Amino acid sequence: VLAAAPTVGGGETPASTLWWDGFTIAANISDEDAEATFIAMVNGIRPEVVSANNDQAVWLADGFTPGPAATGVFATASAGARPYPMIPFMGLMHTALGNELSDFLQGNESAEQALADVEAAYTAAAKEQGFLQ
């Protein structure tokens, strides 16, 4: 059984974030595809689907009963963990980190060089997207 995330500084909010506070539908698809996507997602969280697949995931939906592997995550969510900030430039950071840390993780470059590479990649992408000047 996993425990809930601790709080920081005696506060009540868990020192964690949640990745699952909603759905995302791509902006570059047709209205028909967007509607079909939304319908599929809404059908995927129906209580009967949750009940039939209760132990396959941690569900933040009606009908979920957390089992041993989900108890800590569910307690963290129930205690008010905040959603992860999925703002547009955060995706650029994820990409920069994913692309630039592998050499460090494989022992091929220093942490300092890897972080400099991350910064350069993020800065270039953020300028290209108009987030930085």
C-alpha atoms as a PDB file:
ATOM      1  CA  VAL A   1       0.000   0.000   0.000  1.00  0.00           C
ATOM      2  CA  LEU A   2       1.368   3.401  -0.950  1.00  0.00           C
ATOM      3  CA  ALA A   3       0.861   6.416   1.308  1.00  0.00           C
ATOM      4  CA  ALA A   4      -0.433   9.816   0.282  1.00  0.00           C
ATOM      5  CA  ALA A   5       2.062  12.539  -0.581  1.00  0.00           C
ATOM      6  CA  PRO A   6       3.235  14.560   2.428  1.00  0.00           C
ATOM      7  CA  THR A   7       2.538  18.242   2.832  1.00  0.00           C
ATOM      8  CA  VAL A   8       5.195  20.936   3.048  1.00  0.00           C
ATOM      9  CA  GLY A   9       5.722  23.253   5.992  1.00  0.00           C
ATOM     10  CA  GLY A  10       2.780  21.971   7.992  1.00  0.00           C
ATOM     11  CA  GLY A  11       0.277  22.903   5.310  1.00  0.00           C
ATOM     12  CA  GLU A  12      -2.726  20.892   4.234  1.00  0.00           C
ATOM     13  CA  THR A  13      -2.121  20.696   0.469  1.00  0.00           C
ATOM     14  CA  PRO A  14      -0.111  17.655  -0.685  1.00  0.00           C
ATOM     15  CA  ALA A  15       3.366  18.311  -2.068  1.00  0.00           C
ATOM     16  CA  SER A  16       2.373  16.763  -5.364  1.00  0.00           C
ATOM     17  CA  THR A  17       0.551  17.547  -8.576  1.00  0.00           C
ATOM     18  CA  LEU A  18      -2.031  15.666 -10.609  1.00  0.00           C
ATOM     19  CA  TRP A  19      -1.785  15.018 -14.318  1.00  0.00           C
ATOM     20  CA  TRP A  20      -5.421  14.032 -14.686  1.00  0.00           C
ATOM     21  CA  ASP A  21      -7.681  16.972 -14.100  1.00  0.00           C
ATOM     22  CA  GLY A  22      -9.360  17.008 -17.488  1.00  0.00           C
ATOM     23  CA  PHE A  23      -9.303  16.064 -21.135  1.00  0.00           C
ATOM     24  CA  THR A  24      -7.323  17.576 -23.964  1.00  0.00           C
ATOM     25  CA  ILE A  25      -8.505  17.557 -27.547  1.00  0.00           C
ATOM     26  CA  ALA A  26      -6.155  18.603 -30.321  1.00  0.00           C
ATOM     27  CA  ALA A  27      -6.922  21.969 -31.881  1.00  0.00           C
ATOM     28  CA  ASN A  28      -5.831  20.902 -35.360  1.00  0.00           C
ATOM     29  CA  ILE A  29      -8.568  18.320 -36.002  1.00  0.00           C
ATOM     30  CA  SER A  30     -11.972  18.649 -37.601  1.00  0.00           C
ATOM     31  CA  ASP A  31     -15.029  19.497 -35.547  1.00  0.00           C
ATOM     32  CA  GLU A  32     -16.351  16.008 -36.281  1.00  0.00           C
ATOM     33  CA  ASP A  33     -13.176  14.363 -34.969  1.00  0.00           C
ATOM     34  CA  ALA A  34     -13.190  16.625 -31.909  1.00  0.00           C
ATOM     35  CA  GLU A  35     -16.800  15.688 -31.176  1.00  0.00           C
ATOM     36  CA  ALA A  36     -16.083  11.971 -31.637  1.00  0.00           C
ATOM     37  CA  THR A  37     -13.048  12.271 -29.357  1.00  0.00           C
ATOM     38  CA  PHE A  38     -15.090  13.986 -26.655  1.00  0.00           C
ATOM     39  CA  ILE A  39     -17.855  11.365 -26.870  1.00  0.00           C
ATOM     40  CA  ALA A  40     -15.301   8.537 -26.606  1.00  0.00           C
ATOM     41  CA  MET A  41     -13.646  10.112 -23.566  1.00  0.00           C
ATOM     42  CA  VAL A  42     -16.931  10.759 -21.777  1.00  0.00           C
ATOM     43  CA  ASN A  43     -18.040   7.187 -22.454  1.00  0.00           C
ATOM     44  CA  GLY A  44     -14.684   5.952 -21.158  1.00  0.00           C
ATOM     45  CA  ILE A  45     -15.307   7.377 -17.682  1.00  0.00           C
ATOM     46  CA  ARG A  46     -18.861   6.120 -17.202  1.00  0.00           C
ATOM     47  CA  PRO A  47     -19.290   4.532 -13.746  1.00  0.00           C
ATOM     48  CA  GLU A  48     -19.825   1.075 -15.262  1.00  0.00           C
ATOM     49  CA  VAL A  49     -16.537   1.355 -17.194  1.00  0.00           C
ATOM     50  CA  VAL A  50     -14.747   2.463 -14.027  1.00  0.00           C
ATOM     51  CA  SER A  51     -16.252  -0.437 -12.051  1.00  0.00           C
ATOM     52  CA  ALA A  52     -15.347  -2.979 -14.735  1.00  0.00           C
ATOM     53  CA  ASN A  53     -11.745  -1.716 -14.804  1.00  0.00           C
ATOM     54  CA  ASN A  54     -11.351  -0.555 -11.214  1.00  0.00           C
ATOM     55  CA  ASP A  55      -7.867  -1.962 -10.618  1.00  0.00           C
ATOM     56  CA  GLN A  56      -6.433  -1.063 -14.031  1.00  0.00           C
ATOM     57  CA  ALA A  57      -5.839   2.605 -13.162  1.00  0.00           C
ATOM     58  CA  VAL A  58      -6.386   5.281 -10.561  1.00  0.00           C
ATOM     59  CA  TRP A  59      -9.709   6.738 -11.627  1.00  0.00           C
ATOM     60  CA  LEU A  60     -10.744  10.230 -10.595  1.00  0.00           C
ATOM     61  CA  ALA A  61     -14.325   9.420 -11.471  1.00  0.00           C
ATOM     62  CA  ASP A  62     -17.545   8.347  -9.808  1.00  0.00           C
ATOM     63  CA  GLY A  63     -17.639   4.664  -8.922  1.00  0.00           C
ATOM     64  CA  PHE A  64     -13.917   4.212  -8.238  1.00  0.00           C
ATOM     65  CA  THR A  65     -12.885   2.258  -5.153  1.00  0.00           C
ATOM     66  CA  PRO A  66      -9.118   2.503  -4.617  1.00  0.00           C
ATOM     67  CA  GLY A  67      -7.309  -0.786  -4.170  1.00  0.00           C
ATOM     68  CA  PRO A  68      -3.918  -1.210  -2.447  1.00  0.00           C
ATOM     69  CA  ALA A  69      -1.896   0.167  -5.373  1.00  0.00           C
ATOM     70  CA  ALA A  70      -4.134   3.232  -5.732  1.00  0.00           C
ATOM     71  CA  THR A  71      -4.731   4.190  -2.109  1.00  0.00           C
ATOM     72  CA  GLY A  72      -1.896   6.731  -1.867  1.00  0.00           C
ATOM     73  CA  VAL A  73      -2.612   8.423  -5.177  1.00  0.00           C
ATOM     74  CA  PHE A  74      -6.320   8.606  -4.422  1.00  0.00           C
ATOM     75  CA  ALA A  75      -5.636  10.044  -0.955  1.00  0.00           C
ATOM     76  CA  THR A  76      -3.305  12.639  -2.482  1.00  0.00           C
ATOM     77  CA  ALA A  77      -5.950  13.654  -5.022  1.00  0.00           C
ATOM     78  CA  SER A  78      -8.680  13.723  -2.386  1.00  0.00           C
ATOM     79  CA  ALA A  79      -6.538  15.957  -0.146  1.00  0.00           C
ATOM     80  CA  GLY A  80      -6.485  18.701  -2.769  1.00  0.00           C
ATOM     81  CA  ALA A  81      -3.338  18.165  -4.824  1.00  0.00           C
ATOM     82  CA  ARG A  82      -3.161  20.856  -7.490  1.00  0.00           C
ATOM     83  CA  PRO A  83      -3.224  20.084 -11.221  1.00  0.00           C
ATOM     84  CA  TYR A  84       0.087  20.079 -13.044  1.00  0.00           C
ATOM     85  CA  PRO A  85       0.508  23.367 -14.926  1.00  0.00           C
ATOM     86  CA  MET A  86      -0.049  22.268 -18.511  1.00  0.00           C
ATOM     87  CA  ILE A  87       0.362  25.714 -19.953  1.00  0.00           C
ATOM     88  CA  PRO A  88       1.617  25.944 -23.555  1.00  0.00           C
ATOM     89  CA  PHE A  89       5.282  26.610 -22.805  1.00  0.00           C
ATOM     90  CA  MET A  90       5.465  23.658 -20.381  1.00  0.00           C
ATOM     91  CA  GLY A  91       5.337  21.267 -23.338  1.00  0.00           C
ATOM     92  CA  LEU A  92       8.410  22.981 -24.747  1.00  0.00           C
ATOM     93  CA  MET A  93      10.219  22.352 -21.456  1.00  0.00           C
ATOM     94  CA  HIS A  94       9.233  18.676 -21.473  1.00  0.00           C
ATOM     95  CA  THR A  95      10.562  18.344 -25.016  1.00  0.00           C
ATOM     96  CA  ALA A  96      13.837  20.100 -24.184  1.00  0.00           C
ATOM     97  CA  LEU A  97      14.368  17.943 -21.095  1.00  0.00           C
ATOM     98  CA  GLY A  98      13.503  14.733 -22.937  1.00  0.00           C
ATOM     99  CA  ASN A  99      15.798  15.514 -25.847  1.00  0.00           C
ATOM    100  CA  GLU A 100      18.760  16.919 -23.952  1.00  0.00           C
ATOM    101  CA  LEU A 101      19.153  14.841 -20.777  1.00  0.00           C
ATOM    102  CA  SER A 102      19.859  11.499 -22.440  1.00  0.00           C
ATOM    103  CA  ASP A 103      23.589  12.145 -22.943  1.00  0.00           C
ATOM    104  CA  PHE A 104      23.968  12.991 -19.255  1.00  0.00           C
ATOM    105  CA  LEU A 105      21.957   9.934 -18.193  1.00  0.00           C
ATOM    106  CA  GLN A 106      24.180   7.743 -20.367  1.00  0.00           C
ATOM    107  CA  GLY A 107      27.332   9.236 -18.834  1.00  0.00           C
ATOM    108  CA  ASN A 108      28.346  11.017 -22.052  1.00  0.00           C
ATOM    109  CA  GLU A 109      28.304  14.590 -20.706  1.00  0.00           C
ATOM    110  CA  SER A 110      28.285  16.519 -17.450  1.00  0.00           C
ATOM    111  CA  ALA A 111      25.171  17.707 -15.661  1.00  0.00           C
ATOM    112  CA  GLU A 112      26.272  21.285 -16.326  1.00  0.00           C
ATOM    113  CA  GLN A 113      26.504  20.657 -20.076  1.00  0.00           C
ATOM    114  CA  ALA A 114      23.177  18.830 -20.145  1.00  0.00           C
ATOM    115  CA  LEU A 115      21.445  21.708 -18.353  1.00  0.00           C
ATOM    116  CA  ALA A 116      23.073  24.219 -20.709  1.00  0.00           C
ATOM    117  CA  ASP A 117      21.760  22.138 -23.624  1.00  0.00           C
ATOM    118  CA  VAL A 118      18.269  22.074 -22.069  1.00  0.00           C
ATOM    119  CA  GLU A 119      18.344  25.835 -21.602  1.00  0.00           C
ATOM    120  CA  ALA A 120      19.478  26.440 -25.182  1.00  0.00           C
ATOM    121  CA  ALA A 121      16.875  24.074 -26.643  1.00  0.00           C
ATOM    122  CA  TYR A 122      14.068  25.529 -24.536  1.00  0.00           C
ATOM    123  CA  THR A 123      15.081  29.123 -25.278  1.00  0.00           C
ATOM    124  CA  ALA A 124      15.183  28.467 -29.026  1.00  0.00           C
ATOM    125  CA  ALA A 125      11.780  26.740 -28.997  1.00  0.00           C
ATOM    126  CA  ALA A 126      10.207  29.388 -26.753  1.00  0.00           C
ATOM    127  CA  LYS A 127      11.457  32.170 -29.042  1.00  0.00           C
ATOM    128  CA  GLU A 128      10.162  30.316 -32.092  1.00  0.00           C
ATOM    129  CA  GLN A 129       6.730  29.981 -30.468  1.00  0.00           C
ATOM    130  CA  GLY A 130       6.689  33.600 -29.293  1.00  0.00           C
ATOM    131  CA  PHE A 131       6.951  32.921 -25.546  1.00  0.00           C
ATOM    132  CA  LEU A 132      10.356  34.661 -25.287  1.00  0.00           C
ATOM    133  CA  GLN A 133      11.807  37.575 -27.223  1.00  0.00           C
END
